[in-house]
Amino acid sequence: MAAQRENDAGCAIICMSTGDDMAARVDALRAGANNFFTKPLDTTKIIKALDTLIEQGLAPLHRVLIIDDDEILTRLYTTLLKRANILSEIVTDPKQTLEMINIFKPELILLDIHMQNISGFEVARLIRQLPEMDIISIVFMSTEIDIQKQLAAIDHVGDFLKKPVWPDQLIATVISKCRHARKLIQTQNKLQNTLREYEFQKLAMDQHSIISITDANGD
């Protein structure tokens, strides 16, 4: 497994064993296994795991929108994200934020707090006013050293990165937040599909229940 990981880091690995002890699971995890199944195999669970792994492998690149009026810094962030195979767009004029969100459809927004004419807090509130944008993750980035303002930023959107942001920290945060956002979108879509199916079933039952015929006993 270690050799396989070395040759192809992107290859998914599923371990199968007759044993189900914790030590075996930990060893498989440390060796790079994506899943661990015990024999005899549950076909339904295997298929579900394969579907998930394939979807992850075919998933489109993560999309990040950077809103910051510091052009030099935003170009640096874009370069770092590109090296990590992450798509990014830049908005240096916060007034173009909503338009760019509609065009680019980001999973994550990196937002500076201190900008000319409008603050990052105000931009975040404008984004959250639109229901279709409420699911987009937002991370504040700032040189702000006031702990109260940092806490206010976290209270607003849940995350805060202090500038300058180290490359590894930036990339790790972006990937984590994008994955979380993607899971939320998938869950929301599944919920909407379930509700839609329920509405269809309800409509079909209502149409069939418009007329009922009973005998004198009500049967």
N, C-alpha and C. Protein backbone atom coordinates (compact mmCIF):
# COMPACT_ATOMS: atom_id res chain seq x y z
N MET A 1 0.83 -1.21 0.00
CA MET A 1 0.00 0.00 0.00
C MET A 1 0.86 1.25 0.00
N ALA A 2 1.96 1.22 0.77
CA ALA A 2 2.86 2.37 0.82
C ALA A 2 3.49 2.60 -0.55
N ALA A 3 3.89 1.49 -1.21
CA ALA A 3 4.49 1.61 -2.54
C ALA A 3 3.49 2.15 -3.55
N GLN A 4 2.25 1.69 -3.43
CA GLN A 4 1.20 2.17 -4.32
C GLN A 4 0.96 3.66 -4.13
N ARG A 5 0.94 4.10 -2.88
CA ARG A 5 0.75 5.52 -2.57
C ARG A 5 1.90 6.35 -3.15
N GLU A 6 3.11 5.77 -3.10
CA GLU A 6 4.28 6.49 -3.60
C GLU A 6 4.20 6.65 -5.11
N ASN A 7 3.75 5.60 -5.80
CA ASN A 7 3.67 5.64 -7.27
C ASN A 7 2.48 6.44 -7.77
N ASP A 8 1.38 6.40 -7.03
CA ASP A 8 0.16 7.09 -7.47
C ASP A 8 -0.60 7.55 -6.24
N ALA A 9 -0.32 8.79 -5.82
CA ALA A 9 -0.93 9.32 -4.60
C ALA A 9 -2.44 9.48 -4.72
N GLY A 10 -2.93 9.61 -5.96
CA GLY A 10 -4.36 9.83 -6.15
C GLY A 10 -5.19 8.56 -6.23
N CYS A 11 -4.52 7.40 -6.20
CA CYS A 11 -5.24 6.13 -6.32
C CYS A 11 -5.96 5.79 -5.01
N ALA A 12 -7.22 5.43 -5.11
CA ALA A 12 -7.99 5.05 -3.93
C ALA A 12 -7.69 3.60 -3.56
N ILE A 13 -7.68 3.32 -2.26
CA ILE A 13 -7.39 1.96 -1.78
C ILE A 13 -8.47 1.53 -0.79
N ILE A 14 -9.04 0.34 -1.02
CA ILE A 14 -10.02 -0.25 -0.11
C ILE A 14 -9.43 -1.52 0.48
N CYS A 15 -9.38 -1.62 1.79
CA CYS A 15 -8.86 -2.82 2.48
C CYS A 15 -10.01 -3.75 2.84
N MET A 16 -9.74 -5.07 2.70
CA MET A 16 -10.73 -6.08 3.08
C MET A 16 -10.04 -7.10 3.97
N SER A 17 -10.72 -7.52 5.03
CA SER A 17 -10.11 -8.45 5.98
C SER A 17 -11.18 -9.25 6.71
N THR A 18 -10.78 -10.45 7.15
CA THR A 18 -11.70 -11.24 7.97
C THR A 18 -11.68 -10.74 9.41
N GLY A 19 -10.62 -9.99 9.75
CA GLY A 19 -10.53 -9.43 11.10
C GLY A 19 -11.14 -8.05 11.18
N ASP A 20 -11.64 -7.71 12.36
CA ASP A 20 -12.29 -6.41 12.53
C ASP A 20 -11.78 -5.71 13.79
N ASP A 21 -10.53 -5.98 14.15
CA ASP A 21 -10.01 -5.36 15.37
C ASP A 21 -9.52 -3.95 15.08
N MET A 22 -9.43 -3.14 16.12
CA MET A 22 -9.05 -1.74 15.99
C MET A 22 -7.64 -1.59 15.44
N ALA A 23 -6.73 -2.46 15.85
CA ALA A 23 -5.35 -2.38 15.41
C ALA A 23 -5.23 -2.51 13.89
N ALA A 24 -5.99 -3.46 13.31
CA ALA A 24 -5.95 -3.65 11.86
C ALA A 24 -6.48 -2.42 11.13
N ARG A 25 -7.54 -1.84 11.67
CA ARG A 25 -8.12 -0.64 11.05
C ARG A 25 -7.14 0.54 11.11
N VAL A 26 -6.48 0.68 12.26
CA VAL A 26 -5.51 1.78 12.40
C VAL A 26 -4.34 1.59 11.45
N ASP A 27 -3.85 0.34 11.33
CA ASP A 27 -2.73 0.06 10.41
C ASP A 27 -3.12 0.39 8.97
N ALA A 28 -4.33 0.00 8.58
CA ALA A 28 -4.80 0.28 7.22
C ALA A 28 -4.92 1.79 6.98
N LEU A 29 -5.44 2.48 7.98
CA LEU A 29 -5.59 3.93 7.88
C LEU A 29 -4.23 4.61 7.70
N ARG A 30 -3.26 4.20 8.51
CA ARG A 30 -1.93 4.80 8.44
C ARG A 30 -1.22 4.47 7.14
N ALA A 31 -1.57 3.33 6.55
CA ALA A 31 -0.95 2.94 5.28
C ALA A 31 -1.60 3.65 4.09
N GLY A 32 -2.69 4.37 4.35
CA GLY A 32 -3.31 5.16 3.29
C GLY A 32 -4.62 4.63 2.76
N ALA A 33 -5.26 3.71 3.48
CA ALA A 33 -6.53 3.15 3.00
C ALA A 33 -7.65 4.18 3.09
N ASN A 34 -8.51 4.19 2.06
CA ASN A 34 -9.68 5.07 2.06
C ASN A 34 -10.85 4.43 2.80
N ASN A 35 -10.94 3.10 2.72
CA ASN A 35 -12.03 2.37 3.38
C ASN A 35 -11.52 1.04 3.91
N PHE A 36 -12.28 0.49 4.86
CA PHE A 36 -11.93 -0.81 5.44
C PHE A 36 -13.23 -1.61 5.58
N PHE A 37 -13.26 -2.79 4.96
CA PHE A 37 -14.46 -3.63 5.02
C PHE A 37 -14.09 -5.03 5.52
N THR A 38 -14.99 -5.62 6.27
CA THR A 38 -14.76 -6.97 6.78
C THR A 38 -15.50 -7.99 5.93
N LYS A 39 -14.93 -9.19 5.86
CA LYS A 39 -15.55 -10.28 5.12
C LYS A 39 -16.45 -11.08 6.05
N PRO A 40 -17.57 -11.63 5.55
CA PRO A 40 -18.06 -11.52 4.17
C PRO A 40 -18.50 -10.09 3.84
N LEU A 41 -18.29 -9.69 2.60
CA LEU A 41 -18.51 -8.32 2.20
C LEU A 41 -20.00 -8.00 2.03
N ASP A 42 -20.35 -6.79 2.41
CA ASP A 42 -21.70 -6.28 2.19
C ASP A 42 -21.68 -5.55 0.85
N THR A 43 -22.29 -6.14 -0.17
CA THR A 43 -22.24 -5.59 -1.52
C THR A 43 -22.76 -4.16 -1.59
N THR A 44 -23.83 -3.89 -0.88
CA THR A 44 -24.42 -2.54 -0.91
C THR A 44 -23.43 -1.50 -0.40
N LYS A 45 -22.74 -1.82 0.69
CA LYS A 45 -21.78 -0.88 1.26
C LYS A 45 -20.58 -0.69 0.34
N ILE A 46 -20.13 -1.79 -0.30
CA ILE A 46 -19.00 -1.70 -1.23
C ILE A 46 -19.35 -0.79 -2.40
N ILE A 47 -20.53 -0.98 -2.98
CA ILE A 47 -20.95 -0.17 -4.12
C ILE A 47 -21.06 1.30 -3.74
N LYS A 48 -21.61 1.55 -2.57
CA LYS A 48 -21.74 2.93 -2.10
C LYS A 48 -20.37 3.58 -1.93
N ALA A 49 -19.42 2.81 -1.37
CA ALA A 49 -18.06 3.34 -1.19
C ALA A 49 -17.39 3.62 -2.52
N LEU A 50 -17.57 2.71 -3.48
CA LEU A 50 -16.99 2.90 -4.82
C LEU A 50 -17.58 4.13 -5.50
N ASP A 51 -18.89 4.28 -5.39
CA ASP A 51 -19.55 5.45 -5.99
C ASP A 51 -18.98 6.74 -5.42
N THR A 52 -18.81 6.76 -4.09
CA THR A 52 -18.27 7.96 -3.44
C THR A 52 -16.85 8.26 -3.90
N LEU A 53 -16.01 7.23 -3.95
CA LEU A 53 -14.61 7.42 -4.36
C LEU A 53 -14.51 7.88 -5.81
N ILE A 54 -15.35 7.31 -6.67
CA ILE A 54 -15.34 7.70 -8.09
C ILE A 54 -15.82 9.13 -8.26
N GLU A 55 -16.87 9.50 -7.52
CA GLU A 55 -17.37 10.87 -7.59
C GLU A 55 -16.29 11.86 -7.16
N GLN A 56 -15.54 11.50 -6.11
CA GLN A 56 -14.46 12.37 -5.64
C GLN A 56 -13.37 12.49 -6.69
N GLY A 57 -13.08 11.38 -7.37
CA GLY A 57 -12.04 11.41 -8.40
C GLY A 57 -12.43 12.21 -9.62
N LEU A 58 -13.74 12.22 -9.93
CA LEU A 58 -14.22 12.94 -11.11
C LEU A 58 -14.72 14.34 -10.77
N ALA A 59 -14.66 14.71 -9.51
CA ALA A 59 -15.19 16.01 -9.08
C ALA A 59 -14.43 17.15 -9.74
N PRO A 60 -15.13 18.21 -10.11
CA PRO A 60 -14.45 19.37 -10.70
C PRO A 60 -13.55 20.06 -9.68
N LEU A 61 -12.66 20.89 -10.18
CA LEU A 61 -11.73 21.60 -9.30
C LEU A 61 -12.49 22.53 -8.37
N HIS A 62 -11.93 22.74 -7.19
CA HIS A 62 -12.53 23.68 -6.24
C HIS A 62 -12.42 25.10 -6.80
N ARG A 63 -13.41 25.94 -6.50
CA ARG A 63 -13.46 27.32 -7.01
C ARG A 63 -13.46 28.29 -5.83
N VAL A 64 -12.52 29.22 -5.86
CA VAL A 64 -12.35 30.18 -4.77
C VAL A 64 -12.38 31.60 -5.32
N LEU A 65 -13.16 32.44 -4.70
CA LEU A 65 -13.23 33.86 -5.06
C LEU A 65 -12.49 34.67 -3.99
N ILE A 66 -11.51 35.47 -4.42
CA ILE A 66 -10.73 36.29 -3.50
C ILE A 66 -11.19 37.74 -3.63
N ILE A 67 -11.68 38.31 -2.54
CA ILE A 67 -12.14 39.70 -2.54
C ILE A 67 -11.19 40.51 -1.67
N ASP A 68 -10.35 41.30 -2.30
CA ASP A 68 -9.31 42.05 -1.59
C ASP A 68 -8.84 43.18 -2.50
N ASP A 69 -8.72 44.39 -1.97
CA ASP A 69 -8.29 45.51 -2.81
C ASP A 69 -6.77 45.62 -2.91
N ASP A 70 -6.04 44.67 -2.32
CA ASP A 70 -4.59 44.62 -2.45
C ASP A 70 -4.26 43.71 -3.64
N GLU A 71 -3.99 44.30 -4.81
CA GLU A 71 -3.81 43.52 -6.03
C GLU A 71 -2.58 42.62 -5.97
N ILE A 72 -1.50 43.10 -5.38
CA ILE A 72 -0.27 42.30 -5.31
C ILE A 72 -0.49 41.04 -4.47
N LEU A 73 -1.15 41.21 -3.32
CA LEU A 73 -1.40 40.08 -2.43
C LEU A 73 -2.36 39.07 -3.06
N THR A 74 -3.39 39.58 -3.73
CA THR A 74 -4.36 38.66 -4.36
C THR A 74 -3.72 37.84 -5.47
N ARG A 75 -2.78 38.45 -6.20
CA ARG A 75 -2.07 37.69 -7.24
C ARG A 75 -1.21 36.59 -6.64
N LEU A 76 -0.62 36.88 -5.49
CA LEU A 76 0.16 35.87 -4.80
C LEU A 76 -0.73 34.70 -4.38
N TYR A 77 -1.89 35.01 -3.79
CA TYR A 77 -2.83 33.96 -3.38
C TYR A 77 -3.27 33.13 -4.59
N THR A 78 -3.54 33.80 -5.70
CA THR A 78 -3.97 33.10 -6.91
C THR A 78 -2.90 32.13 -7.39
N THR A 79 -1.66 32.56 -7.36
CA THR A 79 -0.55 31.70 -7.77
C THR A 79 -0.44 30.47 -6.87
N LEU A 80 -0.54 30.69 -5.56
CA LEU A 80 -0.46 29.57 -4.62
C LEU A 80 -1.58 28.57 -4.83
N LEU A 81 -2.79 29.07 -5.04
CA LEU A 81 -3.94 28.18 -5.24
C LEU A 81 -3.84 27.44 -6.57
N LYS A 82 -3.31 28.09 -7.58
CA LYS A 82 -3.15 27.45 -8.89
C LYS A 82 -2.19 26.27 -8.78
N ARG A 83 -1.12 26.45 -8.00
CA ARG A 83 -0.16 25.36 -7.81
C ARG A 83 -0.80 24.17 -7.10
N ALA A 84 -1.83 24.44 -6.30
CA ALA A 84 -2.54 23.37 -5.58
C ALA A 84 -3.73 22.86 -6.40
N ASN A 85 -3.79 23.23 -7.68
CA ASN A 85 -4.85 22.79 -8.59
C ASN A 85 -6.23 23.28 -8.15
N ILE A 86 -6.29 24.54 -7.73
CA ILE A 86 -7.54 25.17 -7.29
C ILE A 86 -7.81 26.38 -8.16
N LEU A 87 -9.02 26.46 -8.72
CA LEU A 87 -9.39 27.60 -9.55
C LEU A 87 -9.71 28.80 -8.66
N SER A 88 -9.29 29.98 -9.10
CA SER A 88 -9.58 31.18 -8.32
C SER A 88 -9.81 32.38 -9.23
N GLU A 89 -10.62 33.30 -8.74
CA GLU A 89 -10.88 34.57 -9.41
C GLU A 89 -10.68 35.68 -8.39
N ILE A 90 -10.36 36.87 -8.89
CA ILE A 90 -10.06 38.00 -8.02
C ILE A 90 -11.08 39.11 -8.21
N VAL A 91 -11.50 39.71 -7.10
CA VAL A 91 -12.32 40.92 -7.12
C VAL A 91 -11.60 41.97 -6.28
N THR A 92 -11.09 43.01 -6.94
CA THR A 92 -10.41 44.09 -6.21
C THR A 92 -11.36 45.25 -5.94
N ASP A 93 -12.50 45.26 -6.63
CA ASP A 93 -13.54 46.26 -6.38
C ASP A 93 -14.74 45.54 -5.76
N PRO A 94 -14.95 45.67 -4.45
CA PRO A 94 -16.03 44.94 -3.77
C PRO A 94 -17.41 45.14 -4.38
N LYS A 95 -17.61 46.24 -5.11
CA LYS A 95 -18.91 46.49 -5.73
C LYS A 95 -19.25 45.43 -6.79
N GLN A 96 -18.24 44.74 -7.28
CA GLN A 96 -18.46 43.71 -8.31
C GLN A 96 -18.68 42.32 -7.72
N THR A 97 -18.76 42.26 -6.39
CA THR A 97 -18.83 40.97 -5.71
C THR A 97 -20.00 40.10 -6.16
N LEU A 98 -21.22 40.63 -6.07
CA LEU A 98 -22.40 39.83 -6.38
C LEU A 98 -22.41 39.39 -7.84
N GLU A 99 -21.99 40.28 -8.72
CA GLU A 99 -21.94 39.93 -10.14
C GLU A 99 -20.95 38.79 -10.39
N MET A 100 -19.78 38.87 -9.77
CA MET A 100 -18.77 37.83 -9.96
C MET A 100 -19.20 36.50 -9.34
N ILE A 101 -19.90 36.55 -8.21
CA ILE A 101 -20.40 35.31 -7.60
C ILE A 101 -21.37 34.60 -8.54
N ASN A 102 -22.25 35.36 -9.18
CA ASN A 102 -23.21 34.78 -10.11
C ASN A 102 -22.52 34.17 -11.33
N ILE A 103 -21.42 34.77 -11.76
CA ILE A 103 -20.70 34.28 -12.93
C ILE A 103 -19.82 33.10 -12.59
N PHE A 104 -19.02 33.23 -11.53
CA PHE A 104 -17.99 32.25 -11.19
C PHE A 104 -18.52 31.10 -10.33
N LYS A 105 -19.56 31.37 -9.54
CA LYS A 105 -20.17 30.38 -8.65
C LYS A 105 -19.12 29.70 -7.74
N PRO A 106 -18.51 30.46 -6.86
CA PRO A 106 -17.46 29.89 -6.00
C PRO A 106 -18.03 29.02 -4.89
N GLU A 107 -17.19 28.11 -4.41
CA GLU A 107 -17.54 27.31 -3.24
C GLU A 107 -17.06 27.99 -1.97
N LEU A 108 -16.06 28.84 -2.12
CA LEU A 108 -15.46 29.52 -0.98
C LEU A 108 -15.08 30.95 -1.37
N ILE A 109 -15.26 31.87 -0.41
CA ILE A 109 -14.86 33.26 -0.62
C ILE A 109 -13.82 33.63 0.44
N LEU A 110 -12.66 34.10 -0.01
CA LEU A 110 -11.64 34.66 0.88
C LEU A 110 -11.83 36.17 0.87
N LEU A 111 -12.17 36.73 2.01
CA LEU A 111 -12.62 38.12 2.08
C LEU A 111 -11.79 38.95 3.05
N ASP A 112 -11.21 40.04 2.54
CA ASP A 112 -10.45 40.96 3.40
C ASP A 112 -11.44 41.79 4.22
N ILE A 113 -11.07 42.12 5.44
CA ILE A 113 -11.95 42.91 6.30
C ILE A 113 -11.84 44.40 5.99
N HIS A 114 -10.61 44.89 5.90
CA HIS A 114 -10.39 46.33 5.73
C HIS A 114 -10.16 46.67 4.26
N MET A 115 -11.18 47.26 3.64
CA MET A 115 -11.09 47.71 2.25
C MET A 115 -11.63 49.12 2.14
N GLN A 116 -11.28 49.82 1.07
CA GLN A 116 -11.74 51.18 0.89
C GLN A 116 -13.23 51.20 0.56
N ASN A 117 -13.93 52.17 1.12
CA ASN A 117 -15.36 52.43 0.84
C ASN A 117 -16.33 51.43 1.47
N ILE A 118 -15.90 50.18 1.63
CA ILE A 118 -16.81 49.18 2.20
C ILE A 118 -15.98 48.14 2.97
N SER A 119 -16.49 47.68 4.10
CA SER A 119 -15.75 46.71 4.90
C SER A 119 -16.13 45.28 4.52
N GLY A 120 -15.27 44.36 4.91
CA GLY A 120 -15.56 42.95 4.64
C GLY A 120 -16.82 42.48 5.37
N PHE A 121 -17.08 43.04 6.55
CA PHE A 121 -18.30 42.70 7.28
C PHE A 121 -19.54 43.05 6.47
N GLU A 122 -19.51 44.23 5.84
CA GLU A 122 -20.66 44.67 5.04
C GLU A 122 -20.83 43.80 3.80
N VAL A 123 -19.72 43.44 3.16
CA VAL A 123 -19.78 42.56 1.99
C VAL A 123 -20.37 41.20 2.38
N ALA A 124 -19.93 40.67 3.52
CA ALA A 124 -20.45 39.37 3.99
C ALA A 124 -21.95 39.44 4.24
N ARG A 125 -22.41 40.55 4.84
CA ARG A 125 -23.86 40.70 5.11
C ARG A 125 -24.65 40.78 3.81
N LEU A 126 -24.09 41.48 2.80
CA LEU A 126 -24.76 41.57 1.51
C LEU A 126 -24.90 40.19 0.87
N ILE A 127 -23.85 39.38 0.98
CA ILE A 127 -23.87 38.03 0.42
C ILE A 127 -24.92 37.18 1.13
N ARG A 128 -24.95 37.28 2.45
CA ARG A 128 -25.87 36.45 3.24
C ARG A 128 -27.33 36.88 3.09
N GLN A 129 -27.58 38.07 2.56
CA GLN A 129 -28.96 38.52 2.35
C GLN A 129 -29.64 37.75 1.22
N LEU A 130 -28.84 37.14 0.34
CA LEU A 130 -29.39 36.41 -0.80
C LEU A 130 -29.44 34.92 -0.46
N PRO A 131 -30.64 34.34 -0.41
CA PRO A 131 -30.79 32.94 0.00
C PRO A 131 -29.95 31.97 -0.83
N GLU A 132 -29.82 32.20 -2.14
CA GLU A 132 -29.08 31.28 -2.99
C GLU A 132 -27.57 31.33 -2.72
N MET A 133 -27.10 32.36 -2.01
CA MET A 133 -25.68 32.48 -1.70
C MET A 133 -25.37 32.14 -0.25
N ASP A 134 -26.39 31.78 0.49
CA ASP A 134 -26.21 31.55 1.93
C ASP A 134 -25.33 30.34 2.22
N ILE A 135 -25.24 29.41 1.28
CA ILE A 135 -24.48 28.18 1.51
C ILE A 135 -22.99 28.35 1.20
N ILE A 136 -22.61 29.46 0.55
CA ILE A 136 -21.21 29.69 0.20
C ILE A 136 -20.39 29.94 1.47
N SER A 137 -19.28 29.23 1.61
CA SER A 137 -18.40 29.43 2.77
C SER A 137 -17.61 30.72 2.60
N ILE A 138 -17.41 31.44 3.71
CA ILE A 138 -16.63 32.67 3.71
C ILE A 138 -15.56 32.60 4.78
N VAL A 139 -14.34 32.98 4.42
CA VAL A 139 -13.24 33.06 5.38
C VAL A 139 -12.68 34.48 5.34
N PHE A 140 -12.67 35.15 6.49
CA PHE A 140 -12.09 36.49 6.57
C PHE A 140 -10.57 36.38 6.66
N MET A 141 -9.88 37.30 5.97
CA MET A 141 -8.43 37.41 6.08
C MET A 141 -8.09 38.87 6.37
N SER A 142 -7.22 39.10 7.34
CA SER A 142 -6.92 40.48 7.71
C SER A 142 -5.65 40.56 8.54
N THR A 143 -5.05 41.76 8.54
CA THR A 143 -3.91 42.04 9.43
C THR A 143 -4.40 42.46 10.81
N GLU A 144 -5.71 42.45 11.02
CA GLU A 144 -6.31 42.89 12.28
C GLU A 144 -5.71 42.14 13.47
N ILE A 145 -5.26 42.91 14.47
CA ILE A 145 -4.67 42.30 15.66
C ILE A 145 -5.58 42.41 16.89
N ASP A 146 -6.65 43.20 16.76
CA ASP A 146 -7.60 43.35 17.86
C ASP A 146 -8.37 42.04 18.02
N ILE A 147 -8.21 41.38 19.17
CA ILE A 147 -8.83 40.08 19.39
C ILE A 147 -10.35 40.15 19.32
N GLN A 148 -10.93 41.27 19.76
CA GLN A 148 -12.38 41.42 19.73
C GLN A 148 -12.90 41.46 18.30
N LYS A 149 -12.15 42.13 17.42
CA LYS A 149 -12.55 42.19 16.01
C LYS A 149 -12.33 40.85 15.33
N GLN A 150 -11.31 40.13 15.75
CA GLN A 150 -11.11 38.79 15.21
C GLN A 150 -12.26 37.87 15.60
N LEU A 151 -12.68 37.99 16.85
CA LEU A 151 -13.82 37.18 17.33
C LEU A 151 -15.11 37.58 16.62
N ALA A 152 -15.25 38.88 16.34
CA ALA A 152 -16.42 39.36 15.61
C ALA A 152 -16.44 38.77 14.20
N ALA A 153 -15.26 38.67 13.60
CA ALA A 153 -15.15 38.07 12.26
C ALA A 153 -15.56 36.60 12.29
N ILE A 154 -15.08 35.89 13.32
CA ILE A 154 -15.43 34.48 13.46
C ILE A 154 -16.93 34.32 13.69
N ASP A 155 -17.51 35.24 14.48
CA ASP A 155 -18.94 35.21 14.74
C ASP A 155 -19.74 35.45 13.46
N HIS A 156 -19.19 36.27 12.57
CA HIS A 156 -19.87 36.57 11.31
C HIS A 156 -19.93 35.35 10.38
N VAL A 157 -18.76 34.74 10.15
CA VAL A 157 -18.70 33.69 9.13
C VAL A 157 -18.09 32.37 9.62
N GLY A 158 -17.52 32.38 10.83
CA GLY A 158 -16.99 31.14 11.39
C GLY A 158 -15.51 30.92 11.24
N ASP A 159 -14.83 31.75 10.41
CA ASP A 159 -13.40 31.53 10.20
C ASP A 159 -12.64 32.84 10.02
N PHE A 160 -11.39 32.84 10.50
CA PHE A 160 -10.55 34.03 10.38
C PHE A 160 -9.11 33.60 10.19
N LEU A 161 -8.43 34.18 9.20
CA LEU A 161 -7.01 33.94 8.97
C LEU A 161 -6.27 35.27 9.10
N LYS A 162 -5.20 35.26 9.88
CA LYS A 162 -4.45 36.49 10.07
C LYS A 162 -3.36 36.61 9.01
N LYS A 163 -3.33 37.76 8.33
CA LYS A 163 -2.28 38.03 7.36
C LYS A 163 -0.98 38.36 8.07
N PRO A 164 0.15 38.01 7.48
CA PRO A 164 0.29 37.21 6.25
C PRO A 164 -0.03 35.73 6.51
N VAL A 165 -0.71 35.12 5.56
CA VAL A 165 -1.10 33.71 5.70
C VAL A 165 -0.04 32.84 5.06
N TRP A 166 0.46 31.87 5.82
CA TRP A 166 1.46 30.95 5.27
C TRP A 166 0.82 30.10 4.17
N PRO A 167 1.56 29.82 3.08
CA PRO A 167 1.01 29.06 1.95
C PRO A 167 0.34 27.75 2.36
N ASP A 168 1.02 26.95 3.19
CA ASP A 168 0.45 25.65 3.60
C ASP A 168 -0.86 25.83 4.36
N GLN A 169 -0.91 26.86 5.22
CA GLN A 169 -2.12 27.12 5.99
C GLN A 169 -3.25 27.56 5.07
N LEU A 170 -2.93 28.42 4.11
CA LEU A 170 -3.94 28.90 3.16
C LEU A 170 -4.54 27.75 2.37
N ILE A 171 -3.69 26.91 1.80
CA ILE A 171 -4.15 25.82 0.95
C ILE A 171 -4.95 24.80 1.76
N ALA A 172 -4.45 24.46 2.96
CA ALA A 172 -5.15 23.49 3.81
C ALA A 172 -6.54 24.00 4.19
N THR A 173 -6.62 25.29 4.54
CA THR A 173 -7.91 25.89 4.91
C THR A 173 -8.87 25.90 3.73
N VAL A 174 -8.36 26.30 2.58
CA VAL A 174 -9.20 26.38 1.38
C VAL A 174 -9.75 25.00 1.01
N ILE A 175 -8.90 23.99 0.97
CA ILE A 175 -9.34 22.65 0.60
C ILE A 175 -10.37 22.11 1.59
N SER A 176 -10.12 22.31 2.88
CA SER A 176 -11.04 21.84 3.91
C SER A 176 -12.40 22.50 3.77
N LYS A 177 -12.40 23.83 3.60
CA LYS A 177 -13.66 24.57 3.51
C LYS A 177 -14.42 24.23 2.22
N CYS A 178 -13.70 24.05 1.13
CA CYS A 178 -14.35 23.71 -0.14
C CYS A 178 -15.00 22.33 -0.07
N ARG A 179 -14.31 21.39 0.55
CA ARG A 179 -14.88 20.04 0.69
C ARG A 179 -16.14 20.08 1.55
N HIS A 180 -16.07 20.86 2.62
CA HIS A 180 -17.24 20.98 3.50
C HIS A 180 -18.40 21.62 2.75
N ALA A 181 -18.11 22.67 1.97
CA ALA A 181 -19.16 23.35 1.20
C ALA A 181 -19.77 22.41 0.17
N ARG A 182 -18.93 21.59 -0.45
CA ARG A 182 -19.42 20.66 -1.47
C ARG A 182 -20.34 19.61 -0.84
N LYS A 183 -19.99 19.15 0.36
CA LYS A 183 -20.85 18.18 1.06
C LYS A 183 -22.20 18.82 1.41
N LEU A 184 -22.16 20.09 1.84
CA LEU A 184 -23.41 20.79 2.17
C LEU A 184 -24.30 20.92 0.95
N ILE A 185 -23.69 21.24 -0.19
CA ILE A 185 -24.46 21.38 -1.43
C ILE A 185 -25.07 20.04 -1.82
N GLN A 186 -24.30 18.96 -1.72
CA GLN A 186 -24.81 17.63 -2.04
C GLN A 186 -25.96 17.25 -1.12
N THR A 187 -25.81 17.54 0.17
CA THR A 187 -26.88 17.24 1.14
C THR A 187 -28.13 18.04 0.82
N GLN A 188 -27.94 19.30 0.49
CA GLN A 188 -29.07 20.16 0.16
C GLN A 188 -29.80 19.66 -1.08
N ASN A 189 -29.03 19.24 -2.09
CA ASN A 189 -29.63 18.72 -3.33
C ASN A 189 -30.42 17.44 -3.06
N LYS A 190 -29.84 16.55 -2.23
CA LYS A 190 -30.53 15.31 -1.89
C LYS A 190 -31.84 15.60 -1.15
N LEU A 191 -31.79 16.58 -0.24
CA LEU A 191 -32.98 16.96 0.52
C LEU A 191 -34.06 17.50 -0.41
N GLN A 192 -33.65 18.35 -1.34
CA GLN A 192 -34.61 18.92 -2.29
C GLN A 192 -35.23 17.83 -3.16
N ASN A 193 -34.41 16.87 -3.60
CA ASN A 193 -34.94 15.76 -4.41
C ASN A 193 -35.92 14.91 -3.61
N THR A 194 -35.60 14.68 -2.34
CA THR A 194 -36.49 13.90 -1.47
C THR A 194 -37.82 14.62 -1.28
N LEU A 195 -37.76 15.92 -1.03
CA LEU A 195 -38.98 16.71 -0.86
C LEU A 195 -39.81 16.73 -2.14
N ARG A 196 -39.11 16.79 -3.28
CA ARG A 196 -39.81 16.80 -4.57
C ARG A 196 -40.53 15.48 -4.79
N GLU A 197 -39.85 14.37 -4.47
CA GLU A 197 -40.47 13.06 -4.61
C GLU A 197 -41.68 12.93 -3.68
N TYR A 198 -41.53 13.46 -2.46
CA TYR A 198 -42.64 13.42 -1.50
C TYR A 198 -43.85 14.19 -2.04
N GLU A 199 -43.59 15.34 -2.64
CA GLU A 199 -44.68 16.14 -3.20
C GLU A 199 -45.39 15.40 -4.33
N PHE A 200 -44.60 14.70 -5.18
CA PHE A 200 -45.19 13.92 -6.26
C PHE A 200 -46.06 12.79 -5.71
N GLN A 201 -45.55 12.11 -4.67
CA GLN A 201 -46.32 11.02 -4.06
C GLN A 201 -47.60 11.56 -3.43
N LYS A 202 -47.50 12.69 -2.76
CA LYS A 202 -48.67 13.29 -2.12
C LYS A 202 -49.70 13.69 -3.16
N LEU A 203 -49.21 14.28 -4.28
CA LEU A 203 -50.12 14.68 -5.35
C LEU A 203 -50.84 13.47 -5.94
N ALA A 204 -50.09 12.37 -6.15
CA ALA A 204 -50.69 11.15 -6.71
C ALA A 204 -51.73 10.57 -5.77
N MET A 205 -51.44 10.56 -4.47
CA MET A 205 -52.39 10.02 -3.50
C MET A 205 -53.62 10.91 -3.39
N ASP A 206 -53.41 12.23 -3.44
CA ASP A 206 -54.56 13.15 -3.37
C ASP A 206 -55.48 12.96 -4.57
N GLN A 207 -54.89 12.78 -5.75
CA GLN A 207 -55.70 12.61 -6.96
C GLN A 207 -56.51 11.32 -6.91
N HIS A 208 -55.91 10.27 -6.32
CA HIS A 208 -56.61 8.99 -6.24
C HIS A 208 -57.61 8.96 -5.08
N SER A 209 -57.52 9.94 -4.19
CA SER A 209 -58.39 9.94 -3.01
C SER A 209 -59.53 10.95 -3.12
N ILE A 210 -59.68 11.54 -4.31
CA ILE A 210 -60.74 12.54 -4.47
C ILE A 210 -62.11 11.88 -4.31
N ILE A 211 -62.26 10.66 -4.86
CA ILE A 211 -63.55 9.95 -4.78
C ILE A 211 -63.36 8.67 -3.99
N SER A 212 -64.22 8.46 -3.02
CA SER A 212 -64.19 7.20 -2.26
C SER A 212 -65.58 6.59 -2.27
N ILE A 213 -65.66 5.27 -2.31
CA ILE A 213 -66.94 4.58 -2.33
C ILE A 213 -67.01 3.66 -1.10
N THR A 214 -68.03 3.77 -0.33
CA THR A 214 -68.19 2.93 0.86
C THR A 214 -69.57 2.31 0.88
N ASP A 215 -69.68 1.26 1.70
CA ASP A 215 -71.02 0.69 1.91
C ASP A 215 -71.66 1.41 3.11
N ALA A 216 -72.83 0.90 3.56
CA ALA A 216 -73.57 1.57 4.64
C ALA A 216 -72.78 1.56 5.95
N ASN A 217 -71.85 0.61 6.10
CA ASN A 217 -71.03 0.56 7.31
C ASN A 217 -69.78 1.43 7.24
N GLY A 218 -69.61 2.08 6.09
CA GLY A 218 -68.45 2.94 5.95
C GLY A 218 -67.22 2.20 5.45
N ASP A 219 -67.36 0.92 5.05
CA ASP A 219 -66.22 0.15 4.55
C ASP A 219 -66.09 0.35 3.04
